[in-house]
Amino acid sequence: MIHTVSTGEVVTVYSAYEVEDTVTAVRKVFENEFSADPSDPGYIPYEDLTEAIVIGWVKDALGTTVVSDTEAEVQAAFDVKKQEIENPTEADGLPWVEEEE
């Protein structure tokens, strides 16, 4: 998050996610610019911002379609990775070396 030091005004919020699997690597970065006027009734000082507030701003700026599509992509990649961890198809090691636990 980039903000103006003298006023605390949030200028830019970056959000990103990165998903990798054995076939593809996906990285998306979203950049949202905000211009908050301290005289606006909904203005929140920088020091009072919370993670939930900023996530709400970003989701509102991206729109429901982008948010739901992005969440679906991340969930699908998570499900694949979880499946790979729980049911590995490959393993490292040497048959003559005892594995440490």
PDB file of N, CA and C in Angstrom:
ATOM      1  N   MET A   1       0.837  -1.148   0.000  1.00  0.00           N
ATOM      2  CA  MET A   1       0.000   0.000   0.000  1.00  0.00           C
ATOM      3  C   MET A   1       0.901   1.236   0.000  1.00  0.00           C
ATOM      4  N   ILE A   2       0.597   2.157  -0.873  1.00  0.00           N
ATOM      5  CA  ILE A   2       1.342   3.403  -0.924  1.00  0.00           C
ATOM      6  C   ILE A   2       0.431   4.508  -0.404  1.00  0.00           C
ATOM      7  N   HIS A   3       0.968   5.319   0.504  1.00  0.00           N
ATOM      8  CA  HIS A   3       0.176   6.411   1.048  1.00  0.00           C
ATOM      9  C   HIS A   3       1.028   7.675   1.142  1.00  0.00           C
ATOM     10  N   THR A   4       0.357   8.811   1.184  1.00  0.00           N
ATOM     11  CA  THR A   4       1.029  10.090   1.348  1.00  0.00           C
ATOM     12  C   THR A   4       1.362  10.260   2.823  1.00  0.00           C
ATOM     13  N   VAL A   5       2.629  10.461   3.125  1.00  0.00           N
ATOM     14  CA  VAL A   5       3.089  10.520   4.513  1.00  0.00           C
ATOM     15  C   VAL A   5       2.442  11.672   5.277  1.00  0.00           C
ATOM     16  N   SER A   6       2.380  12.827   4.676  1.00  0.00           N
ATOM     17  CA  SER A   6       1.885  14.008   5.401  1.00  0.00           C
ATOM     18  C   SER A   6       0.399  13.924   5.743  1.00  0.00           C
ATOM     19  N   THR A   7      -0.391  13.267   4.878  1.00  0.00           N
ATOM     20  CA  THR A   7      -1.838  13.225   5.105  1.00  0.00           C
ATOM     21  C   THR A   7      -2.342  11.840   5.484  1.00  0.00           C
ATOM     22  N   GLY A   8      -1.575  10.802   5.154  1.00  0.00           N
ATOM     23  CA  GLY A   8      -2.047   9.443   5.383  1.00  0.00           C
ATOM     24  C   GLY A   8      -2.976   8.963   4.293  1.00  0.00           C
ATOM     25  N   GLU A   9      -3.203   9.793   3.274  1.00  0.00           N
ATOM     26  CA  GLU A   9      -4.099   9.422   2.186  1.00  0.00           C
ATOM     27  C   GLU A   9      -3.546   8.220   1.432  1.00  0.00           C
ATOM     28  N   VAL A  10      -4.369   7.188   1.299  1.00  0.00           N
ATOM     29  CA  VAL A  10      -3.953   6.002   0.552  1.00  0.00           C
ATOM     30  C   VAL A  10      -4.046   6.327  -0.932  1.00  0.00           C
ATOM     31  N   VAL A  11      -2.954   6.098  -1.638  1.00  0.00           N
ATOM     32  CA  VAL A  11      -2.902   6.414  -3.060  1.00  0.00           C
ATOM     33  C   VAL A  11      -3.077   5.150  -3.900  1.00  0.00           C
ATOM     34  N   THR A  12      -2.345   4.098  -3.572  1.00  0.00           N
ATOM     35  CA  THR A  12      -2.378   2.874  -4.369  1.00  0.00           C
ATOM     36  C   THR A  12      -2.367   1.660  -3.461  1.00  0.00           C
ATOM     37  N   VAL A  13      -3.182   0.680  -3.815  1.00  0.00           N
ATOM     38  CA  VAL A  13      -3.187  -0.598  -3.111  1.00  0.00           C
ATOM     39  C   VAL A  13      -2.885  -1.670  -4.147  1.00  0.00           C
ATOM     40  N   TYR A  14      -1.871  -2.490  -3.859  1.00  0.00           N
ATOM     41  CA  TYR A  14      -1.522  -3.602  -4.735  1.00  0.00           C
ATOM     42  C   TYR A  14      -2.005  -4.890  -4.102  1.00  0.00           C
ATOM     43  N   SER A  15      -2.578  -5.751  -4.892  1.00  0.00           N
ATOM     44  CA  SER A  15      -2.934  -7.076  -4.404  1.00  0.00           C
ATOM     45  C   SER A  15      -2.452  -8.069  -5.449  1.00  0.00           C
ATOM     46  N   ALA A  16      -1.935  -9.185  -4.985  1.00  0.00           N
ATOM     47  CA  ALA A  16      -1.380 -10.158  -5.916  1.00  0.00           C
ATOM     48  C   ALA A  16      -1.595 -11.554  -5.383  1.00  0.00           C
ATOM     49  N   TYR A  17      -1.629 -12.497  -6.301  1.00  0.00           N
ATOM     50  CA  TYR A  17      -1.579 -13.891  -5.895  1.00  0.00           C
ATOM     51  C   TYR A  17      -0.725 -14.622  -6.907  1.00  0.00           C
ATOM     52  N   GLU A  18      -0.140 -15.690  -6.462  1.00  0.00           N
ATOM     53  CA  GLU A  18       0.724 -16.488  -7.321  1.00  0.00           C
ATOM     54  C   GLU A  18       0.376 -17.945  -7.093  1.00  0.00           C
ATOM     55  N   VAL A  19       0.168 -18.657  -8.183  1.00  0.00           N
ATOM     56  CA  VAL A  19      -0.179 -20.069  -8.116  1.00  0.00           C
ATOM     57  C   VAL A  19       0.777 -20.817  -9.030  1.00  0.00           C
ATOM     58  N   GLU A  20       1.378 -21.846  -8.500  1.00  0.00           N
ATOM     59  CA  GLU A  20       2.284 -22.653  -9.317  1.00  0.00           C
ATOM     60  C   GLU A  20       1.886 -24.112  -9.202  1.00  0.00           C
ATOM     61  N   ASP A  21       1.984 -24.823 -10.301  1.00  0.00           N
ATOM     62  CA  ASP A  21       1.854 -26.268 -10.258  1.00  0.00           C
ATOM     63  C   ASP A  21       2.904 -26.844 -11.197  1.00  0.00           C
ATOM     64  N   THR A  22       2.860 -28.120 -11.444  1.00  0.00           N
ATOM     65  CA  THR A  22       3.922 -28.738 -12.241  1.00  0.00           C
ATOM     66  C   THR A  22       3.860 -28.334 -13.705  1.00  0.00           C
ATOM     67  N   VAL A  23       2.740 -27.795 -14.147  1.00  0.00           N
ATOM     68  CA  VAL A  23       2.590 -27.445 -15.559  1.00  0.00           C
ATOM     69  C   VAL A  23       2.647 -25.941 -15.801  1.00  0.00           C
ATOM     70  N   THR A  24       2.008 -25.180 -14.944  1.00  0.00           N
ATOM     71  CA  THR A  24       1.918 -23.745 -15.187  1.00  0.00           C
ATOM     72  C   THR A  24       2.279 -22.954 -13.944  1.00  0.00           C
ATOM     73  N   ALA A  25       2.628 -21.736 -14.155  1.00  0.00           N
ATOM     74  CA  ALA A  25       2.829 -20.782 -13.053  1.00  0.00           C
ATOM     75  C   ALA A  25       2.002 -19.556 -13.412  1.00  0.00           C
ATOM     76  N   VAL A  26       1.160 -19.137 -12.508  1.00  0.00           N
ATOM     77  CA  VAL A  26       0.280 -18.008 -12.764  1.00  0.00           C
ATOM     78  C   VAL A  26       0.550 -16.948 -11.712  1.00  0.00           C
ATOM     79  N   ARG A  27       0.695 -15.722 -12.155  1.00  0.00           N
ATOM     80  CA  ARG A  27       0.841 -14.614 -11.209  1.00  0.00           C
ATOM     81  C   ARG A  27      -0.021 -13.473 -11.722  1.00  0.00           C
ATOM     82  N   LYS A  28      -0.879 -12.994 -10.873  1.00  0.00           N
ATOM     83  CA  LYS A  28      -1.705 -11.847 -11.226  1.00  0.00           C
ATOM     84  C   LYS A  28      -1.473 -10.767 -10.190  1.00  0.00           C
ATOM     85  N   VAL A  29      -1.324  -9.559 -10.666  1.00  0.00           N
ATOM     86  CA  VAL A  29      -1.174  -8.413  -9.783  1.00  0.00           C
ATOM     87  C   VAL A  29      -2.249  -7.411 -10.175  1.00  0.00           C
ATOM     88  N   PHE A  30      -3.007  -6.983  -9.200  1.00  0.00           N
ATOM     89  CA  PHE A  30      -4.027  -5.973  -9.427  1.00  0.00           C
ATOM     90  C   PHE A  30      -3.564  -4.694  -8.736  1.00  0.00           C
ATOM     91  N   GLU A  31      -3.709  -3.584  -9.420  1.00  0.00           N
ATOM     92  CA  GLU A  31      -3.332  -2.294  -8.851  1.00  0.00           C
ATOM     93  C   GLU A  31      -4.570  -1.420  -8.830  1.00  0.00           C
ATOM     94  N   ASN A  32      -4.916  -0.947  -7.662  1.00  0.00           N
ATOM     95  CA  ASN A  32      -6.074  -0.081  -7.515  1.00  0.00           C
ATOM     96  C   ASN A  32      -5.615   1.251  -6.939  1.00  0.00           C
ATOM     97  N   GLU A  33      -6.017   2.329  -7.590  1.00  0.00           N
ATOM     98  CA  GLU A  33      -5.674   3.654  -7.087  1.00  0.00           C
ATOM     99  C   GLU A  33      -6.881   4.236  -6.367  1.00  0.00           C
ATOM    100  N   PHE A  34      -6.630   4.830  -5.225  1.00  0.00           N
ATOM    101  CA  PHE A  34      -7.682   5.434  -4.426  1.00  0.00           C
ATOM    102  C   PHE A  34      -7.291   6.873  -4.138  1.00  0.00           C
ATOM    103  N   SER A  35      -8.255   7.741  -4.192  1.00  0.00           N
ATOM    104  CA  SER A  35      -8.017   9.125  -3.831  1.00  0.00           C
ATOM    105  C   SER A  35      -9.060   9.496  -2.785  1.00  0.00           C
ATOM    106  N   ALA A  36      -8.649   9.490  -1.547  1.00  0.00           N
ATOM    107  CA  ALA A  36      -9.575   9.782  -0.453  1.00  0.00           C
ATOM    108  C   ALA A  36      -9.350  11.205   0.040  1.00  0.00           C
ATOM    109  N   ASP A  37     -10.405  11.936   0.057  1.00  0.00           N
ATOM    110  CA  ASP A  37     -10.363  13.311   0.551  1.00  0.00           C
ATOM    111  C   ASP A  37     -10.696  13.285   2.044  1.00  0.00           C
ATOM    112  N   PRO A  38      -9.797  13.780   2.905  1.00  0.00           N
ATOM    113  CA  PRO A  38     -10.064  13.761   4.348  1.00  0.00           C
ATOM    114  C   PRO A  38     -11.368  14.451   4.754  1.00  0.00           C
ATOM    115  N   SER A  39     -11.928  15.290   3.894  1.00  0.00           N
ATOM    116  CA  SER A  39     -13.196  15.950   4.227  1.00  0.00           C
ATOM    117  C   SER A  39     -14.407  15.077   3.873  1.00  0.00           C
ATOM    118  N   ASP A  40     -14.193  13.964   3.158  1.00  0.00           N
ATOM    119  CA  ASP A  40     -15.295  13.058   2.826  1.00  0.00           C
ATOM    120  C   ASP A  40     -15.825  12.391   4.094  1.00  0.00           C
ATOM    121  N   PRO A  41     -17.151  12.190   4.187  1.00  0.00           N
ATOM    122  CA  PRO A  41     -17.721  11.595   5.402  1.00  0.00           C
ATOM    123  C   PRO A  41     -17.221  10.170   5.677  1.00  0.00           C
ATOM    124  N   GLY A  42     -16.892   9.410   4.649  1.00  0.00           N
ATOM    125  CA  GLY A  42     -16.436   8.034   4.844  1.00  0.00           C
ATOM    126  C   GLY A  42     -14.931   7.883   4.980  1.00  0.00           C
ATOM    127  N   TYR A  43     -14.217   9.002   5.050  1.00  0.00           N
ATOM    128  CA  TYR A  43     -12.757   8.966   5.133  1.00  0.00           C
ATOM    129  C   TYR A  43     -12.292   8.233   6.390  1.00  0.00           C
ATOM    130  N   ILE A  44     -11.298   7.360   6.216  1.00  0.00           N
ATOM    131  CA  ILE A  44     -10.707   6.629   7.339  1.00  0.00           C
ATOM    132  C   ILE A  44      -9.220   6.975   7.385  1.00  0.00           C
ATOM    133  N   PRO A  45      -8.731   7.522   8.488  1.00  0.00           N
ATOM    134  CA  PRO A  45      -7.299   7.836   8.587  1.00  0.00           C
ATOM    135  C   PRO A  45      -6.448   6.576   8.400  1.00  0.00           C
ATOM    136  N   TYR A  46      -5.286   6.773   7.807  1.00  0.00           N
ATOM    137  CA  TYR A  46      -4.373   5.659   7.513  1.00  0.00           C
ATOM    138  C   TYR A  46      -4.150   4.760   8.726  1.00  0.00           C
ATOM    139  N   GLU A  47      -3.900   5.355   9.871  1.00  0.00           N
ATOM    140  CA  GLU A  47      -3.580   4.564  11.068  1.00  0.00           C
ATOM    141  C   GLU A  47      -4.774   3.762  11.577  1.00  0.00           C
ATOM    142  N   ASP A  48      -5.985   4.078  11.085  1.00  0.00           N
ATOM    143  CA  ASP A  48      -7.188   3.353  11.501  1.00  0.00           C
ATOM    144  C   ASP A  48      -7.614   2.278  10.511  1.00  0.00           C
ATOM    145  N   LEU A  49      -6.903   2.171   9.394  1.00  0.00           N
ATOM    146  CA  LEU A  49      -7.262   1.157   8.403  1.00  0.00           C
ATOM    147  C   LEU A  49      -6.984  -0.239   8.945  1.00  0.00           C
ATOM    148  N   THR A  50      -7.832  -1.174   8.543  1.00  0.00           N
ATOM    149  CA  THR A  50      -7.629  -2.577   8.892  1.00  0.00           C
ATOM    150  C   THR A  50      -7.502  -3.382   7.606  1.00  0.00           C
ATOM    151  N   GLU A  51      -7.021  -4.585   7.754  1.00  0.00           N
ATOM    152  CA  GLU A  51      -6.902  -5.469   6.593  1.00  0.00           C
ATOM    153  C   GLU A  51      -8.273  -5.664   5.936  1.00  0.00           C
ATOM    154  N   ALA A  52      -9.302  -5.875   6.740  1.00  0.00           N
ATOM    155  CA  ALA A  52     -10.651  -6.112   6.210  1.00  0.00           C
ATOM    156  C   ALA A  52     -11.153  -4.913   5.399  1.00  0.00           C
ATOM    157  N   ILE A  53     -10.885  -3.704   5.868  1.00  0.00           N
ATOM    158  CA  ILE A  53     -11.316  -2.509   5.138  1.00  0.00           C
ATOM    159  C   ILE A  53     -10.648  -2.451   3.775  1.00  0.00           C
ATOM    160  N   VAL A  54      -9.335  -2.643   3.746  1.00  0.00           N
ATOM    161  CA  VAL A  54      -8.591  -2.544   2.484  1.00  0.00           C
ATOM    162  C   VAL A  54      -8.997  -3.663   1.529  1.00  0.00           C
ATOM    163  N   ILE A  55      -9.183  -4.867   2.032  1.00  0.00           N
ATOM    164  CA  ILE A  55      -9.644  -5.969   1.173  1.00  0.00           C
ATOM    165  C   ILE A  55     -11.013  -5.623   0.586  1.00  0.00           C
ATOM    166  N   GLY A  56     -11.872  -5.027   1.396  1.00  0.00           N
ATOM    167  CA  GLY A  56     -13.175  -4.594   0.892  1.00  0.00           C
ATOM    168  C   GLY A  56     -13.048  -3.577  -0.226  1.00  0.00           C
ATOM    169  N   TRP A  57     -12.147  -2.618  -0.068  1.00  0.00           N
ATOM    170  CA  TRP A  57     -11.907  -1.630  -1.121  1.00  0.00           C
ATOM    171  C   TRP A  57     -11.479  -2.308  -2.420  1.00  0.00           C
ATOM    172  N   VAL A  58     -10.513  -3.211  -2.299  1.00  0.00           N
ATOM    173  CA  VAL A  58      -9.974  -3.878  -3.490  1.00  0.00           C
ATOM    174  C   VAL A  58     -11.055  -4.717  -4.161  1.00  0.00           C
ATOM    175  N   LYS A  59     -11.816  -5.467  -3.370  1.00  0.00           N
ATOM    176  CA  LYS A  59     -12.886  -6.288  -3.954  1.00  0.00           C
ATOM    177  C   LYS A  59     -13.923  -5.413  -4.647  1.00  0.00           C
ATOM    178  N   ASP A  60     -14.286  -4.297  -4.035  1.00  0.00           N
ATOM    179  CA  ASP A  60     -15.239  -3.384  -4.659  1.00  0.00           C
ATOM    180  C   ASP A  60     -14.691  -2.836  -5.979  1.00  0.00           C
ATOM    181  N   ALA A  61     -13.413  -2.471  -5.986  1.00  0.00           N
ATOM    182  CA  ALA A  61     -12.792  -1.901  -7.192  1.00  0.00           C
ATOM    183  C   ALA A  61     -12.689  -2.931  -8.317  1.00  0.00           C
ATOM    184  N   LEU A  62     -12.400  -4.194  -7.957  1.00  0.00           N
ATOM    185  CA  LEU A  62     -12.252  -5.235  -8.974  1.00  0.00           C
ATOM    186  C   LEU A  62     -13.594  -5.686  -9.532  1.00  0.00           C
ATOM    187  N   GLY A  63     -14.602  -5.688  -8.706  1.00  0.00           N
ATOM    188  CA  GLY A  63     -15.916  -6.158  -9.138  1.00  0.00           C
ATOM    189  C   GLY A  63     -16.116  -7.629  -8.809  1.00  0.00           C
ATOM    190  N   THR A  64     -17.364  -8.018  -8.695  1.00  0.00           N
ATOM    191  CA  THR A  64     -17.681  -9.378  -8.244  1.00  0.00           C
ATOM    192  C   THR A  64     -17.206 -10.458  -9.204  1.00  0.00           C
ATOM    193  N   THR A  65     -17.244 -10.195 -10.503  1.00  0.00           N
ATOM    194  CA  THR A  65     -16.824 -11.216 -11.468  1.00  0.00           C
ATOM    195  C   THR A  65     -15.338 -11.521 -11.348  1.00  0.00           C
ATOM    196  N   VAL A  66     -14.510 -10.488 -11.314  1.00  0.00           N
ATOM    197  CA  VAL A  66     -13.065 -10.696 -11.193  1.00  0.00           C
ATOM    198  C   VAL A  66     -12.737 -11.360  -9.862  1.00  0.00           C
ATOM    199  N   VAL A  67     -13.391 -10.928  -8.791  1.00  0.00           N
ATOM    200  CA  VAL A  67     -13.134 -11.509  -7.475  1.00  0.00           C
ATOM    201  C   VAL A  67     -13.513 -12.984  -7.468  1.00  0.00           C
ATOM    202  N   SER A  68     -14.702 -13.311  -7.949  1.00  0.00           N
ATOM    203  CA  SER A  68     -15.127 -14.716  -7.918  1.00  0.00           C
ATOM    204  C   SER A  68     -14.287 -15.586  -8.848  1.00  0.00           C
ATOM    205  N   ASP A  69     -13.921 -15.069 -10.025  1.00  0.00           N
ATOM    206  CA  ASP A  69     -13.057 -15.833 -10.934  1.00  0.00           C
ATOM    207  C   ASP A  69     -11.681 -16.070 -10.310  1.00  0.00           C
ATOM    208  N   THR A  70     -11.131 -15.046  -9.672  1.00  0.00           N
ATOM    209  CA  THR A  70      -9.820 -15.159  -9.038  1.00  0.00           C
ATOM    210  C   THR A  70      -9.869 -16.133  -7.869  1.00  0.00           C
ATOM    211  N   GLU A  71     -10.896 -16.025  -7.041  1.00  0.00           N
ATOM    212  CA  GLU A  71     -11.043 -16.951  -5.917  1.00  0.00           C
ATOM    213  C   GLU A  71     -11.177 -18.392  -6.414  1.00  0.00           C
ATOM    214  N   ALA A  72     -11.908 -18.597  -7.511  1.00  0.00           N
ATOM    215  CA  ALA A  72     -12.075 -19.940  -8.079  1.00  0.00           C
ATOM    216  C   ALA A  72     -10.740 -20.487  -8.587  1.00  0.00           C
ATOM    217  N   GLU A  73      -9.937 -19.637  -9.239  1.00  0.00           N
ATOM    218  CA  GLU A  73      -8.618 -20.066  -9.728  1.00  0.00           C
ATOM    219  C   GLU A  73      -7.708 -20.471  -8.572  1.00  0.00           C
ATOM    220  N   VAL A  74      -7.692 -19.652  -7.540  1.00  0.00           N
ATOM    221  CA  VAL A  74      -6.840 -19.942  -6.383  1.00  0.00           C
ATOM    222  C   VAL A  74      -7.313 -21.214  -5.688  1.00  0.00           C
ATOM    223  N   GLN A  75      -8.619 -21.378  -5.528  1.00  0.00           N
ATOM    224  CA  GLN A  75      -9.152 -22.574  -4.877  1.00  0.00           C
ATOM    225  C   GLN A  75      -8.829 -23.821  -5.691  1.00  0.00           C
ATOM    226  N   ALA A  76      -8.962 -23.744  -7.014  1.00  0.00           N
ATOM    227  CA  ALA A  76      -8.658 -24.895  -7.874  1.00  0.00           C
ATOM    228  C   ALA A  76      -7.187 -25.282  -7.759  1.00  0.00           C
ATOM    229  N   ALA A  77      -6.301 -24.297  -7.755  1.00  0.00           N
ATOM    230  CA  ALA A  77      -4.868 -24.582  -7.618  1.00  0.00           C
ATOM    231  C   ALA A  77      -4.572 -25.162  -6.239  1.00  0.00           C
ATOM    232  N   PHE A  78      -5.235 -24.625  -5.204  1.00  0.00           N
ATOM    233  CA  PHE A  78      -5.064 -25.162  -3.851  1.00  0.00           C
ATOM    234  C   PHE A  78      -5.508 -26.617  -3.794  1.00  0.00           C
ATOM    235  N   ASP A  79      -6.653 -26.921  -4.395  1.00  0.00           N
ATOM    236  CA  ASP A  79      -7.166 -28.293  -4.387  1.00  0.00           C
ATOM    237  C   ASP A  79      -6.200 -29.258  -5.066  1.00  0.00           C
ATOM    238  N   VAL A  80      -5.614 -28.831  -6.187  1.00  0.00           N
ATOM    239  CA  VAL A  80      -4.633 -29.669  -6.881  1.00  0.00           C
ATOM    240  C   VAL A  80      -3.415 -29.899  -6.002  1.00  0.00           C
ATOM    241  N   LYS A  81      -2.890 -28.848  -5.397  1.00  0.00           N
ATOM    242  CA  LYS A  81      -1.706 -28.960  -4.542  1.00  0.00           C
ATOM    243  C   LYS A  81      -1.996 -29.842  -3.332  1.00  0.00           C
ATOM    244  N   LYS A  82      -3.157 -29.674  -2.734  1.00  0.00           N
ATOM    245  CA  LYS A  82      -3.545 -30.490  -1.575  1.00  0.00           C
ATOM    246  C   LYS A  82      -3.610 -31.963  -1.963  1.00  0.00           C
ATOM    247  N   GLN A  83      -4.178 -32.236  -3.109  1.00  0.00           N
ATOM    248  CA  GLN A  83      -4.267 -33.616  -3.607  1.00  0.00           C
ATOM    249  C   GLN A  83      -2.871 -34.197  -3.817  1.00  0.00           C
ATOM    250  N   GLU A  84      -1.967 -33.404  -4.374  1.00  0.00           N
ATOM    251  CA  GLU A  84      -0.580 -33.861  -4.593  1.00  0.00           C
ATOM    252  C   GLU A  84       0.109 -34.175  -3.268  1.00  0.00           C
ATOM    253  N   ILE A  85      -0.143 -33.364  -2.249  1.00  0.00           N
ATOM    254  CA  ILE A  85       0.483 -33.581  -0.939  1.00  0.00           C
ATOM    255  C   ILE A  85      -0.103 -34.810  -0.262  1.00  0.00           C
ATOM    256  N   GLU A  86      -1.424 -34.942  -0.310  1.00  0.00           N
ATOM    257  CA  GLU A  86      -2.080 -36.053   0.370  1.00  0.00           C
ATOM    258  C   GLU A  86      -1.900 -37.386  -0.345  1.00  0.00           C
ATOM    259  N   ASN A  87      -1.726 -37.351  -1.657  1.00  0.00           N
ATOM    260  CA  ASN A  87      -1.587 -38.575  -2.456  1.00  0.00           C
ATOM    261  C   ASN A  87      -0.421 -38.424  -3.432  1.00  0.00           C
ATOM    262  N   PRO A  88       0.802 -38.420  -2.910  1.00  0.00           N
ATOM    263  CA  PRO A  88       1.952 -38.192  -3.790  1.00  0.00           C
ATOM    264  C   PRO A  88       2.100 -39.313  -4.827  1.00  0.00           C
ATOM    265  N   THR A  89       2.539 -38.923  -6.009  1.00  0.00           N
ATOM    266  CA  THR A  89       2.804 -39.897  -7.062  1.00  0.00           C
ATOM    267  C   THR A  89       4.295 -40.132  -7.241  1.00  0.00           C
ATOM    268  N   GLU A  90       5.112 -39.308  -6.592  1.00  0.00           N
ATOM    269  CA  GLU A  90       6.564 -39.443  -6.645  1.00  0.00           C
ATOM    270  C   GLU A  90       7.134 -39.218  -5.250  1.00  0.00           C
ATOM    271  N   ALA A  91       8.318 -39.774  -5.016  1.00  0.00           N
ATOM    272  CA  ALA A  91       8.988 -39.576  -3.737  1.00  0.00           C
ATOM    273  C   ALA A  91      10.494 -39.525  -3.970  1.00  0.00           C
ATOM    274  N   ASP A  92      11.199 -38.796  -3.099  1.00  0.00           N
ATOM    275  CA  ASP A  92      12.654 -38.726  -3.136  1.00  0.00           C
ATOM    276  C   ASP A  92      13.225 -39.786  -2.214  1.00  0.00           C
ATOM    277  N   GLY A  93      14.440 -40.162  -2.467  1.00  0.00           N
ATOM    278  CA  GLY A  93      15.120 -41.056  -1.537  1.00  0.00           C
ATOM    279  C   GLY A  93      15.920 -42.131  -2.238  1.00  0.00           C
ATOM    280  N   LEU A  94      16.651 -42.869  -1.428  1.00  0.00           N
ATOM    281  CA  LEU A  94      17.449 -43.995  -1.902  1.00  0.00           C
ATOM    282  C   LEU A  94      17.021 -45.218  -1.110  1.00  0.00           C
ATOM    283  N   PRO A  95      16.854 -46.347  -1.765  1.00  0.00           N
ATOM    284  CA  PRO A  95      16.345 -47.524  -1.063  1.00  0.00           C
ATOM    285  C   PRO A  95      17.281 -48.037   0.036  1.00  0.00           C
ATOM    286  N   TRP A  96      18.553 -47.728  -0.030  1.00  0.00           N
ATOM    287  CA  TRP A  96      19.505 -48.213   0.968  1.00  0.00           C
ATOM    288  C   TRP A  96      19.746 -47.225   2.110  1.00  0.00           C
ATOM    289  N   VAL A  97      19.063 -46.061   2.078  1.00  0.00           N
ATOM    290  CA  VAL A  97      19.219 -45.070   3.137  1.00  0.00           C
ATOM    291  C   VAL A  97      17.883 -44.967   3.887  1.00  0.00           C
ATOM    292  N   GLU A  98      17.980 -45.187   5.209  1.00  0.00           N
ATOM    293  CA  GLU A  98      16.770 -45.119   6.022  1.00  0.00           C
ATOM    294  C   GLU A  98      16.316 -43.662   6.148  1.00  0.00           C
ATOM    295  N   GLU A  99      15.024 -43.452   5.952  1.00  0.00           N
ATOM    296  CA  GLU A  99      14.484 -42.090   6.047  1.00  0.00           C
ATOM    297  C   GLU A  99      14.352 -41.666   7.497  1.00  0.00           C
ATOM    298  N   GLU A 100      14.657 -40.393   7.736  1.00  0.00           N
ATOM    299  CA  GLU A 100      14.477 -39.824   9.080  1.00  0.00           C
ATOM    300  C   GLU A 100      13.061 -39.321   9.217  1.00  0.00           C
ATOM    301  N   GLU A 101      12.518 -39.411  10.409  1.00  0.00           N
ATOM    302  CA  GLU A 101      11.144 -38.928  10.632  1.00  0.00           C
ATOM    303  C   GLU A 101      11.146 -37.697  11.466  1.00  0.00           C
TER     304      GLU A 101
END
